[in-house]
Amino acid sequence: MSNPFAKLLRAVLLAGCFTFTAVVGPSTSLAADAYQGKDIAERWCTGCHVVENEQKRPATDQAPPFASVATTPDFDANKLAMLLLKPHPNMPKLSLSRAEVANLADYILTLK
């Protein structure tokens, strides 16, 4: 038969792990990160878009600067995800995760 103290200790540890995960986990893992979004923009988007205010010019005049995208009414990660799912003909298909799209949208919003 199991030791009652061991059962209690196991239950307390499980409850502590669950509480920590429920309280701390989602708040850090679901928060968008503009710094990572900037890295994504620099890696994938600078060929066509002006992604930073300091950037002189894009490779093409057809792609809007991210500062303009940021001022689009109701711009958010969902709107960006829709733009990426159905890109215009000149835009390459990007396979970004939801977190990466949220990070990119968060970065774009810093350019308002």
PDB file of N, CA and C in Angstrom:
ATOM      1  N   MET A   1       0.832  -1.166   0.000  1.00  0.00           N
ATOM      2  CA  MET A   1       0.000   0.000   0.000  1.00  0.00           C
ATOM      3  C   MET A   1       0.886   1.242   0.000  1.00  0.00           C
ATOM      4  N   SER A   2       0.453   2.310  -0.678  1.00  0.00           N
ATOM      5  CA  SER A   2       1.225   3.541  -0.787  1.00  0.00           C
ATOM      6  C   SER A   2       1.202   4.328   0.506  1.00  0.00           C
ATOM      7  N   ASN A   3       2.255   5.060   0.682  1.00  0.00           N
ATOM      8  CA  ASN A   3       2.383   5.939   1.825  1.00  0.00           C
ATOM      9  C   ASN A   3       1.423   7.126   1.654  1.00  0.00           C
ATOM     10  N   PRO A   4       0.597   7.461   2.642  1.00  0.00           N
ATOM     11  CA  PRO A   4      -0.336   8.588   2.521  1.00  0.00           C
ATOM     12  C   PRO A   4       0.397   9.922   2.321  1.00  0.00           C
ATOM     13  N   PHE A   5       1.556  10.052   2.928  1.00  0.00           N
ATOM     14  CA  PHE A   5       2.328  11.283   2.757  1.00  0.00           C
ATOM     15  C   PHE A   5       2.779  11.438   1.306  1.00  0.00           C
ATOM     16  N   ALA A   6       3.201  10.351   0.669  1.00  0.00           N
ATOM     17  CA  ALA A   6       3.635  10.389  -0.724  1.00  0.00           C
ATOM     18  C   ALA A   6       2.471  10.770  -1.642  1.00  0.00           C
ATOM     19  N   LYS A   7       1.274  10.253  -1.351  1.00  0.00           N
ATOM     20  CA  LYS A   7       0.095  10.603  -2.149  1.00  0.00           C
ATOM     21  C   LYS A   7      -0.216  12.093  -2.015  1.00  0.00           C
ATOM     22  N   LEU A   8      -0.144  12.603  -0.805  1.00  0.00           N
ATOM     23  CA  LEU A   8      -0.413  14.016  -0.567  1.00  0.00           C
ATOM     24  C   LEU A   8       0.631  14.884  -1.266  1.00  0.00           C
ATOM     25  N   LEU A   9       1.891  14.507  -1.153  1.00  0.00           N
ATOM     26  CA  LEU A   9       2.965  15.249  -1.801  1.00  0.00           C
ATOM     27  C   LEU A   9       2.782  15.259  -3.309  1.00  0.00           C
ATOM     28  N   ARG A  10       2.445  14.113  -3.875  1.00  0.00           N
ATOM     29  CA  ARG A  10       2.206  14.013  -5.317  1.00  0.00           C
ATOM     30  C   ARG A  10       1.046  14.914  -5.738  1.00  0.00           C
ATOM     31  N   ALA A  11      -0.025  14.919  -4.966  1.00  0.00           N
ATOM     32  CA  ALA A  11      -1.183  15.749  -5.292  1.00  0.00           C
ATOM     33  C   ALA A  11      -0.838  17.236  -5.221  1.00  0.00           C
ATOM     34  N   VAL A  12      -0.063  17.621  -4.210  1.00  0.00           N
ATOM     35  CA  VAL A  12       0.335  19.029  -4.070  1.00  0.00           C
ATOM     36  C   VAL A  12       1.240  19.446  -5.233  1.00  0.00           C
ATOM     37  N   LEU A  13       2.179  18.590  -5.593  1.00  0.00           N
ATOM     38  CA  LEU A  13       3.061  18.907  -6.712  1.00  0.00           C
ATOM     39  C   LEU A  13       2.293  19.023  -8.030  1.00  0.00           C
ATOM     40  N   LEU A  14       1.373  18.123  -8.268  1.00  0.00           N
ATOM     41  CA  LEU A  14       0.558  18.185  -9.482  1.00  0.00           C
ATOM     42  C   LEU A  14      -0.290  19.457  -9.508  1.00  0.00           C
ATOM     43  N   ALA A  15      -0.879  19.791  -8.378  1.00  0.00           N
ATOM     44  CA  ALA A  15      -1.695  21.008  -8.306  1.00  0.00           C
ATOM     45  C   ALA A  15      -0.822  22.240  -8.543  1.00  0.00           C
ATOM     46  N   GLY A  16       0.387  22.235  -7.982  1.00  0.00           N
ATOM     47  CA  GLY A  16       1.301  23.359  -8.189  1.00  0.00           C
ATOM     48  C   GLY A  16       1.709  23.493  -9.637  1.00  0.00           C
ATOM     49  N   CYS A  17       2.019  22.387 -10.291  1.00  0.00           N
ATOM     50  CA  CYS A  17       2.396  22.418 -11.707  1.00  0.00           C
ATOM     51  C   CYS A  17       1.229  22.902 -12.567  1.00  0.00           C
ATOM     52  N   PHE A  18       0.037  22.411 -12.273  1.00  0.00           N
ATOM     53  CA  PHE A  18      -1.140  22.828 -13.024  1.00  0.00           C
ATOM     54  C   PHE A  18      -1.387  24.321 -12.847  1.00  0.00           C
ATOM     55  N   THR A  19      -1.306  24.800 -11.621  1.00  0.00           N
ATOM     56  CA  THR A  19      -1.532  26.218 -11.343  1.00  0.00           C
ATOM     57  C   THR A  19      -0.480  27.071 -12.052  1.00  0.00           C
ATOM     58  N   PHE A  20       0.772  26.684 -11.988  1.00  0.00           N
ATOM     59  CA  PHE A  20       1.840  27.431 -12.648  1.00  0.00           C
ATOM     60  C   PHE A  20       1.604  27.493 -14.148  1.00  0.00           C
ATOM     61  N   THR A  21       1.258  26.367 -14.746  1.00  0.00           N
ATOM     62  CA  THR A  21       1.010  26.313 -16.183  1.00  0.00           C
ATOM     63  C   THR A  21      -0.207  27.156 -16.564  1.00  0.00           C
ATOM     64  N   ALA A  22      -1.262  27.078 -15.762  1.00  0.00           N
ATOM     65  CA  ALA A  22      -2.486  27.817 -16.066  1.00  0.00           C
ATOM     66  C   ALA A  22      -2.290  29.321 -15.924  1.00  0.00           C
ATOM     67  N   VAL A  23      -1.502  29.741 -14.955  1.00  0.00           N
ATOM     68  CA  VAL A  23      -1.333  31.166 -14.702  1.00  0.00           C
ATOM     69  C   VAL A  23      -0.216  31.769 -15.542  1.00  0.00           C
ATOM     70  N   VAL A  24       0.935  31.155 -15.577  1.00  0.00           N
ATOM     71  CA  VAL A  24       2.105  31.727 -16.238  1.00  0.00           C
ATOM     72  C   VAL A  24       2.212  31.303 -17.697  1.00  0.00           C
ATOM     73  N   GLY A  25       1.953  30.059 -17.993  1.00  0.00           N
ATOM     74  CA  GLY A  25       2.139  29.537 -19.343  1.00  0.00           C
ATOM     75  C   GLY A  25       1.414  30.301 -20.430  1.00  0.00           C
ATOM     76  N   PRO A  26       0.094  30.418 -20.371  1.00  0.00           N
ATOM     77  CA  PRO A  26      -0.606  31.097 -21.458  1.00  0.00           C
ATOM     78  C   PRO A  26      -0.238  32.559 -21.605  1.00  0.00           C
ATOM     79  N   SER A  27       0.018  33.240 -20.513  1.00  0.00           N
ATOM     80  CA  SER A  27       0.307  34.665 -20.629  1.00  0.00           C
ATOM     81  C   SER A  27       1.621  34.913 -21.355  1.00  0.00           C
ATOM     82  N   THR A  28       2.581  34.018 -21.220  1.00  0.00           N
ATOM     83  CA  THR A  28       3.855  34.226 -21.905  1.00  0.00           C
ATOM     84  C   THR A  28       3.858  33.608 -23.294  1.00  0.00           C
ATOM     85  N   SER A  29       3.182  32.488 -23.470  1.00  0.00           N
ATOM     86  CA  SER A  29       3.247  31.820 -24.763  1.00  0.00           C
ATOM     87  C   SER A  29       2.303  32.444 -25.784  1.00  0.00           C
ATOM     88  N   LEU A  30       1.225  33.100 -25.353  1.00  0.00           N
ATOM     89  CA  LEU A  30       0.275  33.673 -26.283  1.00  0.00           C
ATOM     90  C   LEU A  30       0.541  35.137 -26.591  1.00  0.00           C
ATOM     91  N   ALA A  31       1.432  35.754 -25.852  1.00  0.00           N
ATOM     92  CA  ALA A  31       1.728  37.160 -26.083  1.00  0.00           C
ATOM     93  C   ALA A  31       2.562  37.307 -27.348  1.00  0.00           C
ATOM     94  N   ALA A  32       2.148  38.241 -28.202  1.00  0.00           N
ATOM     95  CA  ALA A  32       2.900  38.486 -29.425  1.00  0.00           C
ATOM     96  C   ALA A  32       4.204  39.202 -29.077  1.00  0.00           C
ATOM     97  N   ASP A  33       5.209  38.993 -29.883  1.00  0.00           N
ATOM     98  CA  ASP A  33       6.534  39.550 -29.640  1.00  0.00           C
ATOM     99  C   ASP A  33       6.970  40.373 -30.849  1.00  0.00           C
ATOM    100  N   ALA A  34       6.933  41.685 -30.711  1.00  0.00           N
ATOM    101  CA  ALA A  34       7.273  42.582 -31.814  1.00  0.00           C
ATOM    102  C   ALA A  34       8.730  42.418 -32.250  1.00  0.00           C
ATOM    103  N   TYR A  35       9.621  42.091 -31.314  1.00  0.00           N
ATOM    104  CA  TYR A  35      11.034  41.905 -31.684  1.00  0.00           C
ATOM    105  C   TYR A  35      11.200  40.712 -32.616  1.00  0.00           C
ATOM    106  N   GLN A  36      10.498  39.614 -32.313  1.00  0.00           N
ATOM    107  CA  GLN A  36      10.562  38.463 -33.217  1.00  0.00           C
ATOM    108  C   GLN A  36       9.875  38.790 -34.532  1.00  0.00           C
ATOM    109  N   GLY A  37       8.805  39.594 -34.470  1.00  0.00           N
ATOM    110  CA  GLY A  37       8.130  40.025 -35.691  1.00  0.00           C
ATOM    111  C   GLY A  37       9.037  40.839 -36.586  1.00  0.00           C
ATOM    112  N   LYS A  38       9.860  41.691 -35.980  1.00  0.00           N
ATOM    113  CA  LYS A  38      10.822  42.482 -36.758  1.00  0.00           C
ATOM    114  C   LYS A  38      11.827  41.567 -37.447  1.00  0.00           C
ATOM    115  N   ASP A  39      12.286  40.537 -36.743  1.00  0.00           N
ATOM    116  CA  ASP A  39      13.204  39.567 -37.352  1.00  0.00           C
ATOM    117  C   ASP A  39      12.568  38.880 -38.557  1.00  0.00           C
ATOM    118  N   ILE A  40      11.303  38.508 -38.422  1.00  0.00           N
ATOM    119  CA  ILE A  40      10.579  37.870 -39.531  1.00  0.00           C
ATOM    120  C   ILE A  40      10.480  38.841 -40.708  1.00  0.00           C
ATOM    121  N   ALA A  41      10.124  40.089 -40.417  1.00  0.00           N
ATOM    122  CA  ALA A  41       9.991  41.104 -41.471  1.00  0.00           C
ATOM    123  C   ALA A  41      11.312  41.321 -42.194  1.00  0.00           C
ATOM    124  N   GLU A  42      12.386  41.407 -41.429  1.00  0.00           N
ATOM    125  CA  GLU A  42      13.697  41.618 -42.050  1.00  0.00           C
ATOM    126  C   GLU A  42      14.109  40.425 -42.903  1.00  0.00           C
ATOM    127  N   ARG A  43      13.749  39.231 -42.469  1.00  0.00           N
ATOM    128  CA  ARG A  43      14.143  38.021 -43.193  1.00  0.00           C
ATOM    129  C   ARG A  43      13.305  37.803 -44.448  1.00  0.00           C
ATOM    130  N   TRP A  44      11.978  38.011 -44.354  1.00  0.00           N
ATOM    131  CA  TRP A  44      11.092  37.613 -45.438  1.00  0.00           C
ATOM    132  C   TRP A  44      10.478  38.754 -46.236  1.00  0.00           C
ATOM    133  N   CYS A  45      10.450  39.965 -45.707  1.00  0.00           N
ATOM    134  CA  CYS A  45       9.625  41.012 -46.320  1.00  0.00           C
ATOM    135  C   CYS A  45      10.395  42.182 -46.929  1.00  0.00           C
ATOM    136  N   THR A  46      11.652  42.375 -46.551  1.00  0.00           N
ATOM    137  CA  THR A  46      12.400  43.554 -47.015  1.00  0.00           C
ATOM    138  C   THR A  46      12.679  43.554 -48.509  1.00  0.00           C
ATOM    139  N   GLY A  47      12.563  42.425 -49.148  1.00  0.00           N
ATOM    140  CA  GLY A  47      12.777  42.381 -50.587  1.00  0.00           C
ATOM    141  C   GLY A  47      11.745  43.178 -51.365  1.00  0.00           C
ATOM    142  N   CYS A  48      10.553  43.340 -50.790  1.00  0.00           N
ATOM    143  CA  CYS A  48       9.473  44.055 -51.483  1.00  0.00           C
ATOM    144  C   CYS A  48       8.930  45.238 -50.680  1.00  0.00           C
ATOM    145  N   HIS A  49       8.864  45.111 -49.367  1.00  0.00           N
ATOM    146  CA  HIS A  49       8.250  46.130 -48.514  1.00  0.00           C
ATOM    147  C   HIS A  49       9.296  46.954 -47.772  1.00  0.00           C
ATOM    148  N   VAL A  50       8.950  48.183 -47.458  1.00  0.00           N
ATOM    149  CA  VAL A  50       9.726  48.955 -46.492  1.00  0.00           C
ATOM    150  C   VAL A  50       9.214  48.492 -45.136  1.00  0.00           C
ATOM    151  N   VAL A  51      10.068  47.827 -44.370  1.00  0.00           N
ATOM    152  CA  VAL A  51       9.626  47.247 -43.098  1.00  0.00           C
ATOM    153  C   VAL A  51      10.084  48.055 -41.890  1.00  0.00           C
ATOM    154  N   GLU A  52      10.987  49.011 -42.104  1.00  0.00           N
ATOM    155  CA  GLU A  52      11.467  49.874 -41.029  1.00  0.00           C
ATOM    156  C   GLU A  52      11.456  51.319 -41.513  1.00  0.00           C
ATOM    157  N   ASN A  53      11.274  52.245 -40.604  1.00  0.00           N
ATOM    158  CA  ASN A  53      11.279  53.654 -40.982  1.00  0.00           C
ATOM    159  C   ASN A  53      12.630  54.079 -41.529  1.00  0.00           C
ATOM    160  N   GLU A  54      13.707  53.415 -41.105  1.00  0.00           N
ATOM    161  CA  GLU A  54      15.056  53.766 -41.545  1.00  0.00           C
ATOM    162  C   GLU A  54      15.400  53.185 -42.913  1.00  0.00           C
ATOM    163  N   GLN A  55      14.610  52.220 -43.359  1.00  0.00           N
ATOM    164  CA  GLN A  55      14.884  51.585 -44.650  1.00  0.00           C
ATOM    165  C   GLN A  55      14.643  52.597 -45.764  1.00  0.00           C
ATOM    166  N   LYS A  56      15.573  52.701 -46.676  1.00  0.00           N
ATOM    167  CA  LYS A  56      15.501  53.729 -47.727  1.00  0.00           C
ATOM    168  C   LYS A  56      14.373  53.475 -48.728  1.00  0.00           C
ATOM    169  N   ARG A  57      14.339  52.288 -49.309  1.00  0.00           N
ATOM    170  CA  ARG A  57      13.308  52.006 -50.296  1.00  0.00           C
ATOM    171  C   ARG A  57      13.165  50.507 -50.485  1.00  0.00           C
ATOM    172  N   PRO A  58      12.010  50.062 -50.932  1.00  0.00           N
ATOM    173  CA  PRO A  58      11.809  48.628 -51.177  1.00  0.00           C
ATOM    174  C   PRO A  58      12.356  48.235 -52.545  1.00  0.00           C
ATOM    175  N   ALA A  59      12.384  46.961 -52.788  1.00  0.00           N
ATOM    176  CA  ALA A  59      12.834  46.453 -54.085  1.00  0.00           C
ATOM    177  C   ALA A  59      11.777  46.697 -55.157  1.00  0.00           C
ATOM    178  N   THR A  60      10.541  46.901 -54.753  1.00  0.00           N
ATOM    179  CA  THR A  60       9.451  47.135 -55.699  1.00  0.00           C
ATOM    180  C   THR A  60       8.565  48.268 -55.204  1.00  0.00           C
ATOM    181  N   ASP A  61       7.986  49.000 -56.136  1.00  0.00           N
ATOM    182  CA  ASP A  61       7.080  50.093 -55.765  1.00  0.00           C
ATOM    183  C   ASP A  61       5.655  49.592 -55.536  1.00  0.00           C
ATOM    184  N   GLN A  62       5.388  48.337 -55.828  1.00  0.00           N
ATOM    185  CA  GLN A  62       4.032  47.813 -55.746  1.00  0.00           C
ATOM    186  C   GLN A  62       3.634  47.350 -54.350  1.00  0.00           C
ATOM    187  N   ALA A  63       4.588  47.133 -53.470  1.00  0.00           N
ATOM    188  CA  ALA A  63       4.287  46.632 -52.129  1.00  0.00           C
ATOM    189  C   ALA A  63       4.201  47.802 -51.151  1.00  0.00           C
ATOM    190  N   PRO A  64       3.130  47.873 -50.364  1.00  0.00           N
ATOM    191  CA  PRO A  64       2.981  49.003 -49.440  1.00  0.00           C
ATOM    192  C   PRO A  64       3.990  48.934 -48.289  1.00  0.00           C
ATOM    193  N   PRO A  65       4.446  50.087 -47.820  1.00  0.00           N
ATOM    194  CA  PRO A  65       5.312  50.095 -46.635  1.00  0.00           C
ATOM    195  C   PRO A  65       4.534  49.584 -45.419  1.00  0.00           C
ATOM    196  N   PHE A  66       5.229  48.944 -44.517  1.00  0.00           N
ATOM    197  CA  PHE A  66       4.566  48.418 -43.324  1.00  0.00           C
ATOM    198  C   PHE A  66       3.934  49.526 -42.488  1.00  0.00           C
ATOM    199  N   ALA A  67       4.497  50.736 -42.510  1.00  0.00           N
ATOM    200  CA  ALA A  67       3.899  51.848 -41.769  1.00  0.00           C
ATOM    201  C   ALA A  67       2.513  52.164 -42.320  1.00  0.00           C
ATOM    202  N   SER A  68       2.320  52.021 -43.628  1.00  0.00           N
ATOM    203  CA  SER A  68       0.992  52.217 -44.220  1.00  0.00           C
ATOM    204  C   SER A  68       0.050  51.085 -43.844  1.00  0.00           C
ATOM    205  N   VAL A  69       0.571  49.874 -43.850  1.00  0.00           N
ATOM    206  CA  VAL A  69      -0.241  48.716 -43.462  1.00  0.00           C
ATOM    207  C   VAL A  69      -0.717  48.883 -42.015  1.00  0.00           C
ATOM    208  N   ALA A  70       0.144  49.419 -41.165  1.00  0.00           N
ATOM    209  CA  ALA A  70      -0.189  49.597 -39.744  1.00  0.00           C
ATOM    210  C   ALA A  70      -1.369  50.529 -39.539  1.00  0.00           C
ATOM    211  N   THR A  71      -1.574  51.466 -40.459  1.00  0.00           N
ATOM    212  CA  THR A  71      -2.677  52.418 -40.308  1.00  0.00           C
ATOM    213  C   THR A  71      -3.976  51.928 -40.948  1.00  0.00           C
ATOM    214  N   THR A  72      -3.960  50.737 -41.503  1.00  0.00           N
ATOM    215  CA  THR A  72      -5.175  50.150 -42.056  1.00  0.00           C
ATOM    216  C   THR A  72      -6.199  49.991 -40.934  1.00  0.00           C
ATOM    217  N   PRO A  73      -7.450  50.428 -41.163  1.00  0.00           N
ATOM    218  CA  PRO A  73      -8.461  50.296 -40.097  1.00  0.00           C
ATOM    219  C   PRO A  73      -8.604  48.847 -39.622  1.00  0.00           C
ATOM    220  N   ASP A  74      -8.649  48.682 -38.331  1.00  0.00           N
ATOM    221  CA  ASP A  74      -8.832  47.378 -37.676  1.00  0.00           C
ATOM    222  C   ASP A  74      -7.733  46.375 -38.006  1.00  0.00           C
ATOM    223  N   PHE A  75      -6.524  46.857 -38.336  1.00  0.00           N
ATOM    224  CA  PHE A  75      -5.432  45.930 -38.624  1.00  0.00           C
ATOM    225  C   PHE A  75      -5.066  45.150 -37.364  1.00  0.00           C
ATOM    226  N   ASP A  76      -4.946  43.842 -37.502  1.00  0.00           N
ATOM    227  CA  ASP A  76      -4.513  42.978 -36.407  1.00  0.00           C
ATOM    228  C   ASP A  76      -3.966  41.682 -36.995  1.00  0.00           C
ATOM    229  N   ALA A  77      -3.633  40.751 -36.121  1.00  0.00           N
ATOM    230  CA  ALA A  77      -3.054  39.486 -36.572  1.00  0.00           C
ATOM    231  C   ALA A  77      -4.017  38.702 -37.459  1.00  0.00           C
ATOM    232  N   ASN A  78      -5.309  38.771 -37.181  1.00  0.00           N
ATOM    233  CA  ASN A  78      -6.280  38.041 -38.007  1.00  0.00           C
ATOM    234  C   ASN A  78      -6.325  38.594 -39.424  1.00  0.00           C
ATOM    235  N   LYS A  79      -6.303  39.916 -39.541  1.00  0.00           N
ATOM    236  CA  LYS A  79      -6.322  40.530 -40.866  1.00  0.00           C
ATOM    237  C   LYS A  79      -5.042  40.181 -41.630  1.00  0.00           C
ATOM    238  N   LEU A  80      -3.914  40.203 -40.938  1.00  0.00           N
ATOM    239  CA  LEU A  80      -2.650  39.832 -41.579  1.00  0.00           C
ATOM    240  C   LEU A  80      -2.668  38.370 -42.013  1.00  0.00           C
ATOM    241  N   ALA A  81      -3.221  37.504 -41.170  1.00  0.00           N
ATOM    242  CA  ALA A  81      -3.305  36.084 -41.523  1.00  0.00           C
ATOM    243  C   ALA A  81      -4.120  35.893 -42.795  1.00  0.00           C
ATOM    244  N   MET A  82      -5.206  36.633 -42.924  1.00  0.00           N
ATOM    245  CA  MET A  82      -6.017  36.520 -44.136  1.00  0.00           C
ATOM    246  C   MET A  82      -5.242  37.009 -45.360  1.00  0.00           C
ATOM    247  N   LEU A  83      -4.481  38.099 -45.204  1.00  0.00           N
ATOM    248  CA  LEU A  83      -3.665  38.591 -46.321  1.00  0.00           C
ATOM    249  C   LEU A  83      -2.614  37.564 -46.733  1.00  0.00           C
ATOM    250  N   LEU A  84      -2.058  36.882 -45.754  1.00  0.00           N
ATOM    251  CA  LEU A  84      -1.023  35.890 -46.057  1.00  0.00           C
ATOM    252  C   LEU A  84      -1.605  34.599 -46.630  1.00  0.00           C
ATOM    253  N   LEU A  85      -2.830  34.268 -46.253  1.00  0.00           N
ATOM    254  CA  LEU A  85      -3.465  33.061 -46.784  1.00  0.00           C
ATOM    255  C   LEU A  85      -3.866  33.231 -48.243  1.00  0.00           C
ATOM    256  N   LYS A  86      -4.273  34.443 -48.614  1.00  0.00           N
ATOM    257  CA  LYS A  86      -4.672  34.721 -49.994  1.00  0.00           C
ATOM    258  C   LYS A  86      -3.825  35.878 -50.511  1.00  0.00           C
ATOM    259  N   PRO A  87      -2.536  35.615 -50.720  1.00  0.00           N
ATOM    260  CA  PRO A  87      -1.651  36.701 -51.163  1.00  0.00           C
ATOM    261  C   PRO A  87      -1.958  37.138 -52.582  1.00  0.00           C
ATOM    262  N   HIS A  88      -1.601  38.385 -52.891  1.00  0.00           N
ATOM    263  CA  HIS A  88      -1.767  38.888 -54.252  1.00  0.00           C
ATOM    264  C   HIS A  88      -0.736  38.215 -55.169  1.00  0.00           C
ATOM    265  N   PRO A  89      -0.920  38.306 -56.484  1.00  0.00           N
ATOM    266  CA  PRO A  89      -0.069  37.549 -57.414  1.00  0.00           C
ATOM    267  C   PRO A  89       1.432  37.772 -57.254  1.00  0.00           C
ATOM    268  N   ASN A  90       1.866  38.978 -56.936  1.00  0.00           N
ATOM    269  CA  ASN A  90       3.298  39.241 -56.847  1.00  0.00           C
ATOM    270  C   ASN A  90       3.905  38.847 -55.505  1.00  0.00           C
ATOM    271  N   MET A  91       3.077  38.419 -54.571  1.00  0.00           N
ATOM    272  CA  MET A  91       3.573  38.094 -53.237  1.00  0.00           C
ATOM    273  C   MET A  91       3.836  36.596 -53.124  1.00  0.00           C
ATOM    274  N   PRO A  92       5.010  36.222 -52.607  1.00  0.00           N
ATOM    275  CA  PRO A  92       5.291  34.791 -52.456  1.00  0.00           C
ATOM    276  C   PRO A  92       4.438  34.188 -51.354  1.00  0.00           C
ATOM    277  N   LYS A  93       4.192  32.906 -51.454  1.00  0.00           N
ATOM    278  CA  LYS A  93       3.431  32.211 -50.417  1.00  0.00           C
ATOM    279  C   LYS A  93       4.357  31.951 -49.236  1.00  0.00           C
ATOM    280  N   LEU A  94       3.969  32.455 -48.081  1.00  0.00           N
ATOM    281  CA  LEU A  94       4.754  32.256 -46.866  1.00  0.00           C
ATOM    282  C   LEU A  94       4.038  31.267 -45.965  1.00  0.00           C
ATOM    283  N   SER A  95       4.775  30.379 -45.375  1.00  0.00           N
ATOM    284  CA  SER A  95       4.202  29.427 -44.423  1.00  0.00           C
ATOM    285  C   SER A  95       4.647  29.831 -43.024  1.00  0.00           C
ATOM    286  N   LEU A  96       3.890  30.750 -42.423  1.00  0.00           N
ATOM    287  CA  LEU A  96       4.192  31.211 -41.073  1.00  0.00           C
ATOM    288  C   LEU A  96       3.204  30.597 -40.097  1.00  0.00           C
ATOM    289  N   SER A  97       3.671  30.300 -38.910  1.00  0.00           N
ATOM    290  CA  SER A  97       2.781  29.786 -37.871  1.00  0.00           C
ATOM    291  C   SER A  97       1.897  30.918 -37.352  1.00  0.00           C
ATOM    292  N   ARG A  98       0.879  30.576 -36.598  1.00  0.00           N
ATOM    293  CA  ARG A  98       0.011  31.605 -36.006  1.00  0.00           C
ATOM    294  C   ARG A  98       0.812  32.540 -35.119  1.00  0.00           C
ATOM    295  N   ALA A  99       1.736  31.980 -34.364  1.00  0.00           N
ATOM    296  CA  ALA A  99       2.557  32.796 -33.471  1.00  0.00           C
ATOM    297  C   ALA A  99       3.423  33.761 -34.276  1.00  0.00           C
ATOM    298  N   GLU A 100       3.989  33.295 -35.393  1.00  0.00           N
ATOM    299  CA  GLU A 100       4.815  34.164 -36.233  1.00  0.00           C
ATOM    300  C   GLU A 100       3.986  35.276 -36.865  1.00  0.00           C
ATOM    301  N   VAL A 101       2.768  34.952 -37.302  1.00  0.00           N
ATOM    302  CA  VAL A 101       1.874  35.973 -37.858  1.00  0.00           C
ATOM    303  C   VAL A 101       1.534  37.005 -36.783  1.00  0.00           C
ATOM    304  N   ALA A 102       1.251  36.535 -35.567  1.00  0.00           N
ATOM    305  CA  ALA A 102       0.941  37.454 -34.462  1.00  0.00           C
ATOM    306  C   ALA A 102       2.148  38.336 -34.148  1.00  0.00           C
ATOM    307  N   ASN A 103       3.339  37.760 -34.165  1.00  0.00           N
ATOM    308  CA  ASN A 103       4.553  38.534 -33.918  1.00  0.00           C
ATOM    309  C   ASN A 103       4.765  39.578 -35.008  1.00  0.00           C
ATOM    310  N   LEU A 104       4.568  39.192 -36.257  1.00  0.00           N
ATOM    311  CA  LEU A 104       4.727  40.111 -37.373  1.00  0.00           C
ATOM    312  C   LEU A 104       3.698  41.248 -37.293  1.00  0.00           C
ATOM    313  N   ALA A 105       2.459  40.907 -36.998  1.00  0.00           N
ATOM    314  CA  ALA A 105       1.415  41.930 -36.847  1.00  0.00           C
ATOM    315  C   ALA A 105       1.748  42.873 -35.694  1.00  0.00           C
ATOM    316  N   ASP A 106       2.239  42.338 -34.595  1.00  0.00           N
ATOM    317  CA  ASP A 106       2.608  43.164 -33.449  1.00  0.00           C
ATOM    318  C   ASP A 106       3.722  44.128 -33.833  1.00  0.00           C
ATOM    319  N   TYR A 107       4.685  43.647 -34.606  1.00  0.00           N
ATOM    320  CA  TYR A 107       5.759  44.532 -35.072  1.00  0.00           C
ATOM    321  C   TYR A 107       5.207  45.620 -35.982  1.00  0.00           C
ATOM    322  N   ILE A 108       4.377  45.245 -36.936  1.00  0.00           N
ATOM    323  CA  ILE A 108       3.816  46.218 -37.872  1.00  0.00           C
ATOM    324  C   ILE A 108       3.081  47.316 -37.109  1.00  0.00           C
ATOM    325  N   LEU A 109       2.345  46.934 -36.067  1.00  0.00           N
ATOM    326  CA  LEU A 109       1.603  47.923 -35.284  1.00  0.00           C
ATOM    327  C   LEU A 109       2.515  48.893 -34.543  1.00  0.00           C
ATOM    328  N   THR A 110       3.775  48.530 -34.324  1.00  0.00           N
ATOM    329  CA  THR A 110       4.699  49.470 -33.671  1.00  0.00           C
ATOM    330  C   THR A 110       5.090  50.601 -34.611  1.00  0.00           C
ATOM    331  N   LEU A 111       4.784  50.474 -35.895  1.00  0.00           N
ATOM    332  CA  LEU A 111       5.179  51.482 -36.890  1.00  0.00           C
ATOM    333  C   LEU A 111       4.117  52.548 -37.109  1.00  0.00           C
ATOM    334  N   LYS A 112       3.030  52.497 -36.363  1.00  0.00           N
ATOM    335  CA  LYS A 112       1.968  53.507 -36.499  1.00  0.00           C
ATOM    336  C   LYS A 112       2.481  54.880 -36.202  1.00  0.00           C
TER     337      LYS A 112
END
